[in-house]
Amino acid sequence: MGRSERIDRVELMRTYVRIVEAGSLSAAARQLATTQATISRRLQSLETLLGVRLLLRTTHAMKLTDDGERCYQHARRVIDSWLALEDEVGQAEDEPVGTLRVRAPHAFGQEQLLEPLTRFLNRYPHLAVEWMLNDKSVDFLSDNSDCAIRVGAEVDPATVSVLLAEVPRSVVASPTLLAQFPAIHQPEDLCALPWIALSTFYQQHIELINGETRQITRVALSPRLSTDSLYVARNTALAGLGVSVVSS
C-alpha cells in the first residue's frame, strides 16, 4: 500500500473489539460516533489483513468464528497495552521517569551536590539516578551518560551547557609549613615552597590574577605530590606537606 493508504491497525482492532462487545455493527457505530458503513469497512479491512473470517452475520444475529474469538482476545490485550502506553507516556510529559545517568566531580559529588541530588530524587519519585563520580572530560556516547556536572572553563561546543555557579579557588598552606620558609611577599616567592598539585587542573605551573590590576603572574611548580583528589590536596595541605590551590 502507499503511505497514505496504510491501515491504522490499532484502530481496526479497537473497532473490532467494540463490535464484539456492543453485539452488532450498528451498536458499535453509535458508540464510536460513526456510520455503520465505516464500521463494516474496518471489519473487512481487518479480515483482509489477517486473511481469515472473523464474524458470521445474518440479518438477526452475529457469531464469532474460532479465528474471530482468538482475534478478539489478542486485540483486547493489544488495546489494553496501548492504553497503558498512552497513560505512561502522558505521565512522562508531566513528570520525569526512567534512569538519568549523571557524571559529577569526585569532591562535589561526594558532598556539596548530595543535598540537591536528594531533593531532586524526592521531587521525582519515578526517576532513578546513576551518580558516577569522575573528574575527567565526559564523552557522552562512550560513557553512556546523559549529563555531566563539571568544574572548569572548557566547554564542548557540541553540548548544551549551563553555568551553575562560580567556584573561587584559594592558595592555601598550613602555618607550620610557612614558618619553615621566608615570608611570601611576591607571587614568585611561592616557587620556593613545596607544592601539592591538583593534576586535573594544574601540574607544572599556576596562574595568579591580581585582584586590583588583573595582572596575571605565572608561577612554576615542582610538586612533591600530584593528585586528582581535592580531598587529598586539602588534607595533605592541612598536614603541612605543601602549598595547594583548592576550591574555596
Foldseek 3Di string as FASTA:
>chain_A
DDPVPDDPVLVLLVLLLLCVVLFHLCSSCVVVVHHSVVSVVSQVVVCVVVVHHAWDDDPVHIDGDPVNVVSNVVSVVVNVVVVVVVVVVVVCVVAPADEAEEEEADPCLVPVCPVVVVVVCVVGVRYHYHYHHDQDDDDCPVVVHDYYDYDDDDDDPVDDDDDDDDWDKDKDAEPVLCVVDDDDDDPQVQQVWAEEEQVSPDDFWDWDADPPPRDIDIYGHDHPHYHNDLVVRVVVRNVGPTIYMHTD
